């Protein structure tokens, strides 16, 4: 058994020594890592891997990190910013993809990984699974609810079309619009498939919605997002979340016309109306002008008939009632007969009254005795009447008291009665009664009414007085001879 502490045994020495015939120097960690990196890259310079994405994340730098796995193994992957920005779909966990690139090592963690240059969905089944997953997620946010969909304008003046300017789609739309109802069309040219198509379509929809009335370009009343038919890969740009959200947030109603009738994209769920083809979208957008003209003519004719119908019916009713009215002779005949009857009765009555009067006059015998008897009867009736001077005097006295009360009331309410007690009435030049000093000071002339007359004065505070009035010289008072003089209290 060799001695572990013997100097002849180099297997477990304390200090590393080179053995006889060994000319290989020890490698550093960096050197062996670089050797492994070159070996792996030379051997696996280009590989295509199929697996399920896991742990997908994007760094702030734009690089994408993920892992590819199957039932038994897993490999890390990285996709640099330039290639990650060109992806035509949004990588998500659980999506089966085919990644192309090269294998390399990462010395910092002693692991190998694949640098992905290109990534594709592994078959239509995986693509449809991604589509369904995205649809369920966006539907949960309410982007596809029927309540949020708006009605389309009946006759849009301006129509915005988001499509390729070189394809047959725009020609079909313009031709159908010209046949049905010529309208002003604004085309926003975009890519409809491939890298960057989803971003351009979303930017066009948001650009139309950002237009204002003051802009040089007229804001459309309706948008048509159109593309011809194709495979699910060709139409995939209209399944992108950025396009779906742009359509859902558009302030302008949107018609989606993506592919043919059997093609369905997420843009169709978000749009306010889905058209089976681009040509059908133009038919949905505008009505037929000839049909509108015919409808207007029909409405005009119905309006005229509705206006004339009451007149016609009224004329017919009037004619029917006029036929049933009696003639003028039939209306006047009973009255004429009644007039004849009354005239005959009047003549007979006058003759009978005259005969009766003659009989009374013949029977009447006027004599002085009869006149005296009538006078006595009148005197007797007059004497029976109790008309005494006291009754007349009582009536006169009662009326006199009422008149005296009215006179006292008049004297108490008479505005000129206080003038006898020394009060005056101040009036303006035109006769208005003044009740305040401020108003009186603004007058050019005042009339002061006393009990015995009116005196015109000028207020001291008025402008006319200050400008024109002059102090009148006071005449000296001459004392009467024989009487003592008294000082003037106002001098």
Protein backbone atom coordinates (compact mmCIF):
# COMPACT_ATOMS: atom_id res chain seq x y z
CA UNK A 1 0.00 0.00 0.00
CA UNK A 2 1.55 3.33 -1.06
CA UNK A 3 2.23 5.87 1.61
CA UNK A 4 0.01 8.90 1.18
CA UNK A 5 2.67 11.10 2.68
CA UNK A 6 5.50 9.77 0.48
CA UNK A 7 7.09 12.22 -1.94
CA UNK A 8 7.18 9.54 -4.69
CA UNK A 9 3.37 9.43 -5.00
CA UNK A 10 2.00 12.48 -6.94
CA UNK A 11 -1.66 11.41 -6.96
CA UNK A 12 -2.56 13.28 -3.81
CA UNK A 13 0.25 15.76 -3.36
CA UNK A 14 -0.11 19.02 -1.66
CA UNK A 15 1.50 21.00 -4.45
CA UNK A 16 0.74 20.35 -8.12
CA UNK A 17 3.77 18.95 -9.99
CA UNK A 18 4.27 17.93 -13.58
CA UNK A 19 4.81 14.23 -14.06
CA UNK A 20 7.40 12.73 -16.31
CA UNK A 21 6.39 12.88 -19.98
CA UNK A 22 3.38 15.21 -19.32
CA UNK A 23 3.66 18.38 -21.45
CA UNK A 24 -0.01 19.56 -21.15
CA UNK A 25 -0.37 22.65 -19.03
CA UNK A 26 -3.62 22.98 -16.98
CA UNK A 27 -6.40 24.97 -18.70
CA UNK A 28 -8.17 27.92 -17.11
CA UNK A 29 -11.94 27.97 -16.73
CA UNK A 30 -12.25 30.61 -19.42
CA UNK A 31 -10.12 28.58 -21.79
CA UNK A 32 -12.14 25.40 -21.38
CA UNK A 33 -15.39 27.42 -21.66
CA UNK A 34 -14.22 28.93 -24.92
CA UNK A 35 -13.16 25.50 -26.20
CA UNK A 36 -16.60 24.12 -25.37
CA UNK A 37 -18.29 27.15 -26.99
CA UNK A 38 -16.36 26.70 -30.26
CA UNK A 39 -16.96 22.98 -30.28
CA UNK A 40 -20.71 23.34 -29.76
CA UNK A 41 -21.07 26.17 -32.26
CA UNK A 42 -19.03 24.32 -34.89
CA UNK A 43 -21.01 21.14 -34.42
CA UNK A 44 -24.45 22.73 -34.07
CA UNK A 45 -24.07 25.91 -36.13
CA UNK A 46 -27.66 25.68 -37.41
CA UNK A 47 -30.43 23.67 -35.81
CA UNK A 48 -34.25 23.68 -35.83
CA UNK A 49 -35.94 22.74 -32.60
CA UNK A 50 -39.58 22.02 -31.98
CA UNK A 51 -40.89 22.49 -28.48
CA UNK A 52 -43.24 24.27 -26.15
CA UNK A 53 -42.46 27.81 -25.00
CA UNK A 54 -42.03 28.34 -21.28
CA UNK A 55 -40.98 31.30 -19.18
CA UNK A 56 -41.28 33.83 -22.01
CA UNK A 57 -40.17 37.31 -20.99
CA UNK A 58 -38.90 40.41 -22.70
CA UNK A 59 -36.10 42.44 -21.19
CA UNK A 60 -36.00 46.23 -21.18
CA UNK A 61 -33.36 46.03 -23.89
CA UNK A 62 -35.85 44.33 -26.25
CA UNK A 63 -34.26 40.86 -26.08
CA UNK A 64 -36.56 37.91 -25.50
CA UNK A 65 -35.64 35.05 -23.14
CA UNK A 66 -37.50 31.77 -23.01
CA UNK A 67 -37.12 28.01 -22.68
CA UNK A 68 -38.06 25.25 -25.12
CA UNK A 69 -39.18 21.98 -23.62
CA UNK A 70 -40.78 18.66 -24.38
CA UNK A 71 -41.76 15.75 -22.16
CA UNK A 72 -38.21 14.86 -21.07
CA UNK A 73 -35.85 17.82 -21.63
CA UNK A 74 -35.58 21.59 -21.64
CA UNK A 75 -33.20 24.04 -23.27
CA UNK A 76 -32.86 27.76 -22.69
CA UNK A 77 -33.21 30.16 -25.59
CA UNK A 78 -32.53 33.79 -26.31
CA UNK A 79 -33.68 35.97 -29.22
CA UNK A 80 -31.96 39.26 -29.76
CA UNK A 81 -33.91 42.48 -30.17
CA UNK A 82 -33.67 42.76 -33.97
CA UNK A 83 -35.07 39.27 -34.59
CA UNK A 84 -37.62 39.55 -31.76
CA UNK A 85 -39.05 42.72 -33.28
CA UNK A 86 -39.69 40.94 -36.56
CA UNK A 87 -41.88 38.22 -35.09
CA UNK A 88 -45.28 37.95 -36.77
CA UNK A 89 -47.00 36.70 -33.62
CA UNK A 90 -46.84 37.27 -29.90
CA UNK A 91 -44.98 34.40 -28.17
CA UNK A 92 -46.79 33.06 -25.12
CA UNK A 93 -46.21 30.30 -22.62
CA UNK A 94 -47.59 26.94 -23.75
CA UNK A 95 -47.35 27.73 -27.47
CA UNK A 96 -45.66 25.02 -29.58
CA UNK A 97 -43.13 26.57 -31.95
CA UNK A 98 -40.30 25.69 -34.30
CA UNK A 99 -37.17 27.72 -33.49
CA UNK A 100 -34.24 28.04 -35.87
CA UNK A 101 -30.78 29.18 -34.76
CA UNK A 102 -27.48 27.94 -33.41
CA UNK A 103 -26.44 26.31 -30.18
CA UNK A 104 -23.94 28.06 -27.98
CA UNK A 105 -22.81 28.10 -24.39
CA UNK A 106 -23.15 30.68 -21.68
CA UNK A 107 -19.96 30.49 -19.60
CA UNK A 108 -21.39 32.68 -16.88
CA UNK A 109 -23.74 29.87 -15.82
CA UNK A 110 -22.03 26.81 -17.37
CA UNK A 111 -25.00 25.98 -19.56
CA UNK A 112 -25.81 25.71 -23.20
CA UNK A 113 -28.62 27.53 -24.99
CA UNK A 114 -29.96 28.26 -28.44
CA UNK A 115 -29.68 31.69 -30.01
CA UNK A 116 -32.93 31.90 -31.98
CA UNK A 117 -32.85 33.65 -35.33
CA UNK A 118 -36.35 32.69 -36.47
CA UNK A 119 -39.43 31.39 -34.69
CA UNK A 120 -42.60 30.01 -36.22
CA UNK A 121 -45.73 28.41 -34.86
CA UNK A 122 -45.54 24.62 -35.16
CA UNK A 123 -48.45 23.96 -37.56
CA UNK A 124 -51.96 25.33 -37.94
CA UNK A 125 -53.16 23.42 -34.91
CA UNK A 126 -50.84 25.37 -32.63
CA UNK A 127 -51.76 28.59 -34.43
CA UNK A 128 -55.45 27.94 -33.92
CA UNK A 129 -54.82 27.16 -30.26
CA UNK A 130 -53.04 30.51 -29.89
CA UNK A 131 -55.92 32.22 -31.70
CA UNK A 132 -58.51 30.67 -29.39
CA UNK A 133 -56.50 31.58 -26.32
CA UNK A 134 -56.24 35.20 -27.44
CA UNK A 135 -59.95 35.30 -28.31
CA UNK A 136 -60.98 34.07 -24.87
CA UNK A 137 -58.71 36.57 -23.15
CA UNK A 138 -59.96 39.55 -25.16
CA UNK A 139 -63.58 38.45 -24.85
CA UNK A 140 -63.18 38.39 -21.08
CA UNK A 141 -62.27 42.09 -21.29
CA UNK A 142 -65.56 42.84 -23.07
CA UNK A 143 -64.05 43.83 -26.43
CA UNK A 144 -66.47 41.57 -28.31
CA UNK A 145 -69.68 42.43 -26.41
CA UNK A 146 -72.71 43.23 -28.56
CA UNK A 147 -73.70 46.07 -26.22
CA UNK A 148 -70.68 48.13 -27.22
CA UNK A 149 -71.24 47.78 -30.96
CA UNK A 150 -72.64 50.90 -32.62
CA UNK A 151 -75.11 51.27 -35.46
CA UNK A 152 -73.72 52.31 -38.84
CA UNK A 153 -74.64 55.69 -40.37
CA UNK A 154 -77.39 55.36 -42.95
CA UNK A 155 -75.69 57.52 -45.57
CA UNK A 156 -72.02 58.33 -44.76
CA UNK A 157 -70.62 61.34 -46.57
CA UNK A 158 -67.00 60.19 -46.26
CA UNK A 159 -65.79 56.59 -46.03
CA UNK A 160 -62.30 55.63 -44.88
CA UNK A 161 -60.79 52.42 -46.25
CA UNK A 162 -57.82 50.69 -44.61
CA UNK A 163 -56.33 48.25 -47.11
CA UNK A 164 -53.56 47.74 -49.64
CA UNK A 165 -53.63 50.36 -52.42
CA UNK A 166 -52.42 47.91 -55.07
CA UNK A 167 -54.72 44.93 -54.60
CA UNK A 168 -58.07 44.13 -56.17
CA UNK A 169 -59.87 44.82 -52.88
CA UNK A 170 -59.81 48.61 -53.18
CA UNK A 171 -60.92 48.43 -56.82
CA UNK A 172 -63.87 46.21 -55.91
CA UNK A 173 -64.91 48.55 -53.09
CA UNK A 174 -64.67 51.70 -55.24
CA UNK A 175 -66.54 50.04 -58.11
CA UNK A 176 -69.36 48.86 -55.86
CA UNK A 177 -69.66 52.28 -54.17
CA UNK A 178 -69.83 53.98 -57.58
CA UNK A 179 -72.63 51.63 -58.66
CA UNK A 180 -74.69 51.99 -55.49
CA UNK A 181 -74.10 55.50 -54.17
CA UNK A 182 -71.02 57.54 -55.17
CA UNK A 183 -69.28 58.70 -52.00
CA UNK A 184 -66.08 60.46 -50.99
CA UNK A 185 -63.51 57.75 -50.16
CA UNK A 186 -60.21 58.21 -48.31
CA UNK A 187 -57.74 55.30 -48.59
CA UNK A 188 -55.08 54.77 -45.95
CA UNK A 189 -52.53 52.44 -47.60
CA UNK A 190 -51.18 49.67 -45.35
CA UNK A 191 -49.58 46.25 -45.55
CA UNK A 192 -52.21 43.55 -45.17
CA UNK A 193 -49.90 40.64 -44.42
CA UNK A 194 -46.38 39.94 -43.27
CA UNK A 195 -44.06 41.68 -40.87
CA UNK A 196 -45.37 45.02 -39.59
CA UNK A 197 -48.84 44.71 -41.15
CA UNK A 198 -50.66 44.65 -37.80
CA UNK A 199 -48.91 47.82 -36.62
CA UNK A 200 -49.75 49.66 -39.85
CA UNK A 201 -53.41 48.64 -39.75
CA UNK A 202 -53.73 49.71 -36.11
CA UNK A 203 -51.98 53.00 -36.84
CA UNK A 204 -54.35 53.69 -39.76
CA UNK A 205 -57.47 53.05 -37.65
CA UNK A 206 -56.21 55.28 -34.85
CA UNK A 207 -55.13 57.91 -37.38
CA UNK A 208 -58.62 58.15 -38.86
CA UNK A 209 -60.09 58.42 -35.36
CA UNK A 210 -57.68 61.23 -34.43
CA UNK A 211 -58.85 63.50 -37.28
CA UNK A 212 -60.78 66.63 -36.27
CA UNK A 213 -63.24 68.89 -38.06
CA UNK A 214 -60.59 71.62 -38.37
CA UNK A 215 -58.12 69.33 -40.19
CA UNK A 216 -57.60 69.57 -43.93
CA UNK A 217 -58.59 65.92 -44.38
CA UNK A 218 -62.27 65.26 -43.74
CA UNK A 219 -62.91 62.84 -40.92
CA UNK A 220 -64.73 59.73 -42.22
CA UNK A 221 -68.17 58.80 -40.99
CA UNK A 222 -67.45 55.09 -41.48
CA UNK A 223 -64.34 52.87 -41.70
CA UNK A 224 -63.85 49.71 -43.78
CA UNK A 225 -60.93 47.45 -42.87
CA UNK A 226 -60.57 45.12 -45.84
CA UNK A 227 -58.34 42.37 -47.21
CA UNK A 228 -58.75 39.57 -49.73
CA UNK A 229 -58.82 35.89 -48.93
CA UNK A 230 -55.83 33.82 -47.87
CA UNK A 231 -54.52 31.24 -45.46
CA UNK A 232 -54.59 31.63 -41.73
CA UNK A 233 -50.98 32.79 -41.87
CA UNK A 234 -51.83 35.48 -44.44
CA UNK A 235 -54.69 36.77 -42.30
CA UNK A 236 -52.82 36.52 -39.02
CA UNK A 237 -52.10 40.25 -38.83
CA UNK A 238 -55.82 40.87 -38.24
CA UNK A 239 -55.73 38.49 -35.27
CA UNK A 240 -53.10 40.56 -33.49
CA UNK A 241 -54.15 42.20 -30.24
CA UNK A 242 -53.00 45.65 -31.36
CA UNK A 243 -55.45 45.57 -34.31
CA UNK A 244 -58.32 44.25 -32.19
CA UNK A 245 -57.88 46.96 -29.58
CA UNK A 246 -57.60 49.70 -32.22
CA UNK A 247 -60.92 48.61 -33.76
CA UNK A 248 -62.63 48.34 -30.37
CA UNK A 249 -61.41 51.83 -29.32
CA UNK A 250 -62.18 53.52 -32.65
CA UNK A 251 -64.59 56.49 -32.28
CA UNK A 252 -65.75 55.81 -35.86
CA UNK A 253 -67.97 52.77 -36.64
CA UNK A 254 -65.95 50.00 -38.33
CA UNK A 255 -66.90 47.35 -40.89
CA UNK A 256 -64.49 44.42 -41.12
CA UNK A 257 -64.15 42.69 -44.50
CA UNK A 258 -61.28 40.27 -43.97
CA UNK A 259 -60.95 37.38 -46.40
CA UNK A 260 -63.88 35.47 -47.81
CA UNK A 261 -67.08 34.38 -46.14
CA UNK A 262 -65.51 31.34 -44.44
CA UNK A 263 -62.54 33.29 -43.07
CA UNK A 264 -62.90 34.61 -39.52
CA UNK A 265 -60.46 36.80 -37.62
CA UNK A 266 -60.52 38.50 -34.23
CA UNK A 267 -60.99 41.81 -36.04
CA UNK A 268 -64.42 40.56 -37.13
CA UNK A 269 -65.44 40.04 -33.49
CA UNK A 270 -64.32 43.54 -32.48
CA UNK A 271 -65.82 45.39 -35.47
CA UNK A 272 -69.28 46.96 -35.31
CA UNK A 273 -70.33 45.00 -38.41
CA UNK A 274 -68.76 42.05 -40.26
CA UNK A 275 -68.97 41.74 -44.03
CA UNK A 276 -68.35 38.38 -45.75
CA UNK A 277 -66.35 40.04 -48.55
CA UNK A 278 -64.94 43.51 -49.32
CA UNK A 279 -67.62 43.94 -51.99
CA UNK A 280 -70.31 43.14 -49.41
CA UNK A 281 -68.74 45.75 -47.11
CA UNK A 282 -69.36 48.42 -49.75
CA UNK A 283 -72.96 47.22 -50.09
CA UNK A 284 -73.45 47.43 -46.32
CA UNK A 285 -71.84 50.88 -46.14
CA UNK A 286 -74.20 52.73 -48.51
CA UNK A 287 -77.73 52.18 -49.83
CA UNK A 288 -78.65 52.03 -53.51
CA UNK A 289 -79.10 55.54 -54.84
CA UNK A 290 -81.73 54.53 -57.39
CA UNK A 291 -83.73 52.74 -54.71
CA UNK A 292 -83.53 55.81 -52.47
CA UNK A 293 -84.73 58.03 -55.31
CA UNK A 294 -87.62 55.66 -55.98
CA UNK A 295 -88.44 55.56 -52.28
CA UNK A 296 -88.42 59.36 -52.09
CA UNK A 297 -90.70 59.59 -55.13
CA UNK A 298 -93.04 57.06 -53.53
CA UNK A 299 -93.03 59.03 -50.29
CA UNK A 300 -93.71 62.26 -52.21
CA UNK A 301 -96.65 60.66 -54.03
CA UNK A 302 -97.98 59.25 -50.76
CA UNK A 303 -97.62 62.67 -49.17
CA UNK A 304 -99.57 64.32 -51.96
CA UNK A 305 -102.27 61.66 -51.74
CA UNK A 306 -102.38 62.08 -47.97
CA UNK A 307 -102.78 65.84 -48.38
CA UNK A 308 -105.43 65.61 -51.09
CA UNK A 309 -107.33 62.75 -49.49
CA UNK A 310 -109.07 64.90 -46.81
CA UNK A 311 -109.97 67.45 -49.49
CA UNK A 312 -111.42 64.76 -51.76
CA UNK A 313 -113.29 63.11 -48.92
CA UNK A 314 -114.59 66.47 -47.74
CA UNK A 315 -115.79 67.34 -51.24
CA UNK A 316 -117.57 64.00 -51.53
CA UNK A 317 -119.22 64.40 -48.13
CA UNK A 318 -120.23 67.97 -48.98
CA UNK A 319 -121.80 66.90 -52.26
CA UNK A 320 -123.64 64.04 -50.56
CA UNK A 321 -125.00 66.34 -47.85
CA UNK A 322 -125.86 69.06 -50.37
CA UNK A 323 -127.99 66.56 -52.26
CA UNK A 324 -129.92 65.75 -49.12
CA UNK A 325 -130.55 69.42 -48.24
CA UNK A 326 -134.09 70.71 -48.97
CA UNK A 327 -134.62 73.34 -51.67
CA UNK A 328 -135.17 77.02 -50.90
CA UNK A 329 -138.84 76.80 -51.88
CA UNK A 330 -139.29 73.83 -49.54
CA UNK A 331 -137.65 75.77 -46.67
CA UNK A 332 -139.72 78.96 -47.27
CA UNK A 333 -143.08 77.34 -48.00
CA UNK A 334 -144.11 76.71 -44.35
CA UNK A 335 -143.04 80.21 -43.36
CA UNK A 336 -144.90 81.76 -46.32
CA UNK A 337 -148.01 79.85 -45.37
CA UNK A 338 -147.64 80.96 -41.77
CA UNK A 339 -147.22 84.57 -42.94
CA UNK A 340 -150.40 84.37 -44.96
CA UNK A 341 -152.25 82.93 -41.98
CA UNK A 342 -150.98 85.67 -39.63
CA UNK A 343 -151.84 88.38 -42.16
CA UNK A 344 -155.39 87.12 -42.40
CA UNK A 345 -155.68 86.91 -38.62
CA UNK A 346 -154.31 90.47 -38.28
CA UNK A 347 -156.92 91.89 -40.66
CA UNK A 348 -159.71 90.08 -38.84
CA UNK A 349 -158.39 91.20 -35.45
CA UNK A 350 -158.22 94.87 -36.52
CA UNK A 351 -161.76 94.73 -37.80
CA UNK A 352 -163.01 93.06 -34.61
CA UNK A 353 -161.19 95.56 -32.36
CA UNK A 354 -162.54 98.52 -34.25
CA UNK A 355 -166.07 97.11 -33.97
CA UNK A 356 -165.62 96.47 -30.26
CA UNK A 357 -164.37 100.02 -29.73
CA UNK A 358 -167.30 101.49 -31.53
CA UNK A 359 -169.63 99.44 -29.32
CA UNK A 360 -167.92 100.68 -26.10
CA UNK A 361 -168.00 104.25 -27.33
CA UNK A 362 -171.63 103.90 -28.13
CA UNK A 363 -172.39 102.56 -24.68
CA UNK A 364 -170.33 105.29 -22.92
CA UNK A 365 -172.54 108.22 -21.72
CA UNK A 366 -170.47 111.26 -20.60
CA UNK A 367 -172.32 113.66 -18.23
CA UNK A 368 -171.34 116.30 -15.55
CA UNK A 369 -172.63 114.01 -12.88
CA UNK A 370 -170.25 111.27 -13.84
CA UNK A 371 -167.29 113.71 -13.94
CA UNK A 372 -168.10 115.08 -10.46
CA UNK A 373 -168.36 111.58 -9.11
CA UNK A 374 -164.91 110.75 -10.50
CA UNK A 375 -163.45 113.91 -8.93
CA UNK A 376 -164.90 113.02 -5.53
CA UNK A 377 -163.38 109.56 -5.76
CA UNK A 378 -159.96 111.02 -6.55
CA UNK A 379 -160.14 113.48 -3.65
CA UNK A 380 -161.13 110.67 -1.31
CA UNK A 381 -158.13 108.57 -2.37
CA UNK A 382 -155.84 111.59 -1.94
CA UNK A 383 -157.11 112.26 1.54
CA UNK A 384 -156.53 108.69 2.52
CA UNK A 385 -152.84 109.07 1.72
CA UNK A 386 -150.89 109.96 4.94
CA UNK A 387 -148.39 112.46 3.53
CA UNK A 388 -147.45 114.95 6.31
CA UNK A 389 -144.73 117.67 6.38
CA UNK A 390 -143.04 115.84 9.29
CA UNK A 391 -142.18 112.89 7.10
CA UNK A 392 -140.61 115.14 4.47
CA UNK A 393 -138.72 117.06 7.16
CA UNK A 394 -137.34 113.81 8.63
CA UNK A 395 -136.02 112.82 5.22
CA UNK A 396 -134.38 116.22 4.70
CA UNK A 397 -132.80 116.11 8.17
CA UNK A 398 -131.32 112.64 7.58
CA UNK A 399 -129.85 113.69 4.22
CA UNK A 400 -128.46 116.85 5.81
CA UNK A 401 -126.57 114.82 8.41
CA UNK A 402 -125.04 112.68 5.71
CA UNK A 403 -123.96 115.76 3.76
CA UNK A 404 -122.39 117.28 6.92
CA UNK A 405 -120.39 114.09 7.51
CA UNK A 406 -119.14 114.18 3.95
CA UNK A 407 -118.16 117.83 4.35
CA UNK A 408 -116.16 117.09 7.51
CA UNK A 409 -114.41 114.25 5.73
CA UNK A 410 -113.60 116.53 2.84
CA UNK A 411 -112.16 119.18 5.15
CA UNK A 412 -109.97 116.60 6.94
CA UNK A 413 -108.64 115.20 3.65
CA UNK A 414 -108.25 118.47 1.79
CA UNK A 415 -104.48 118.89 1.12
CA UNK A 416 -104.81 122.71 1.14
CA UNK A 417 -106.46 122.90 4.52
CA UNK A 418 -103.10 122.88 6.42
CA UNK A 419 -102.04 125.94 4.39
CA UNK A 420 -104.28 128.08 6.60
CA UNK A 421 -102.31 126.89 9.62
CA UNK A 422 -98.97 128.06 8.19
CA UNK A 423 -97.90 125.06 6.10
CA UNK A 424 -96.83 125.44 2.48
CA UNK A 425 -96.65 123.16 -0.58
CA UNK A 426 -93.33 123.06 -2.47
CA UNK A 427 -93.73 122.31 -6.17
CA UNK A 428 -91.43 122.12 -9.14
CA UNK A 429 -91.70 124.50 -12.04
CA UNK A 430 -93.96 122.08 -13.92
CA UNK A 431 -96.24 121.53 -10.94
CA UNK A 432 -94.88 118.27 -9.44
CA UNK A 433 -95.10 118.09 -5.67
CA UNK A 434 -91.63 117.77 -4.09
CA UNK A 435 -91.15 115.68 -0.95
CA UNK A 436 -87.35 115.80 -0.34
CA UNK A 437 -84.71 118.48 -0.03
CA UNK A 438 -82.37 116.60 -2.42
CA UNK A 439 -84.87 116.70 -5.27
CA UNK A 440 -85.76 120.33 -4.53
CA UNK A 441 -82.09 121.38 -4.63
CA UNK A 442 -81.82 120.02 -8.20
CA UNK A 443 -84.62 122.29 -9.51
CA UNK A 444 -83.91 125.58 -11.25
CA UNK A 445 -87.05 127.17 -9.82
CA UNK A 446 -89.56 126.34 -7.07
CA UNK A 447 -93.18 127.39 -6.56
CA UNK A 448 -94.20 127.70 -2.89
CA UNK A 449 -97.96 127.67 -2.44
CA UNK A 450 -99.34 129.55 0.59
CA UNK A 451 -102.93 129.82 1.67
CA UNK A 452 -103.28 133.15 -0.11
CA UNK A 453 -101.24 132.47 -3.25
CA UNK A 454 -98.12 131.05 -4.92
CA UNK A 455 -94.58 132.49 -4.60
CA UNK A 456 -91.83 131.57 -7.09
CA UNK A 457 -88.31 131.20 -5.62
CA UNK A 458 -84.87 129.96 -6.71
CA UNK A 459 -83.13 127.42 -4.45
CA UNK A 460 -79.70 128.53 -3.19
CA UNK A 461 -78.08 125.19 -4.04
CA UNK A 462 -79.12 125.23 -7.74
CA UNK A 463 -76.68 126.02 -10.54
CA UNK A 464 -78.85 128.73 -12.06
CA UNK A 465 -78.95 130.62 -8.79
CA UNK A 466 -75.20 130.44 -8.30
CA UNK A 467 -74.55 131.56 -11.88
CA UNK A 468 -77.10 134.32 -12.40
CA UNK A 469 -78.50 135.38 -9.04
CA UNK A 470 -77.03 138.53 -7.57
CA UNK A 471 -77.52 139.76 -4.06
CA UNK A 472 -80.09 142.47 -3.92
CA UNK A 473 -79.00 145.59 -2.09
CA UNK A 474 -80.76 146.04 1.16
CA UNK A 475 -82.62 149.30 1.46
CA UNK A 476 -81.93 151.24 4.61
CA UNK A 477 -84.87 151.35 6.90
CA UNK A 478 -86.04 154.88 7.70
CA UNK A 479 -87.36 155.28 11.16
CA UNK A 480 -90.69 156.91 11.51
CA UNK A 481 -90.61 160.28 13.24
CA UNK A 482 -91.75 160.20 16.72
CA UNK A 483 -91.23 156.44 17.12
CA UNK A 484 -88.23 154.69 18.61
CA UNK A 485 -86.18 152.65 16.15
CA UNK A 486 -85.55 148.92 16.58
CA UNK A 487 -82.53 146.99 15.35
CA UNK A 488 -83.11 144.57 12.43
CA UNK A 489 -82.71 141.04 13.77
CA UNK A 490 -81.61 139.74 10.34
CA UNK A 491 -79.02 142.49 9.51
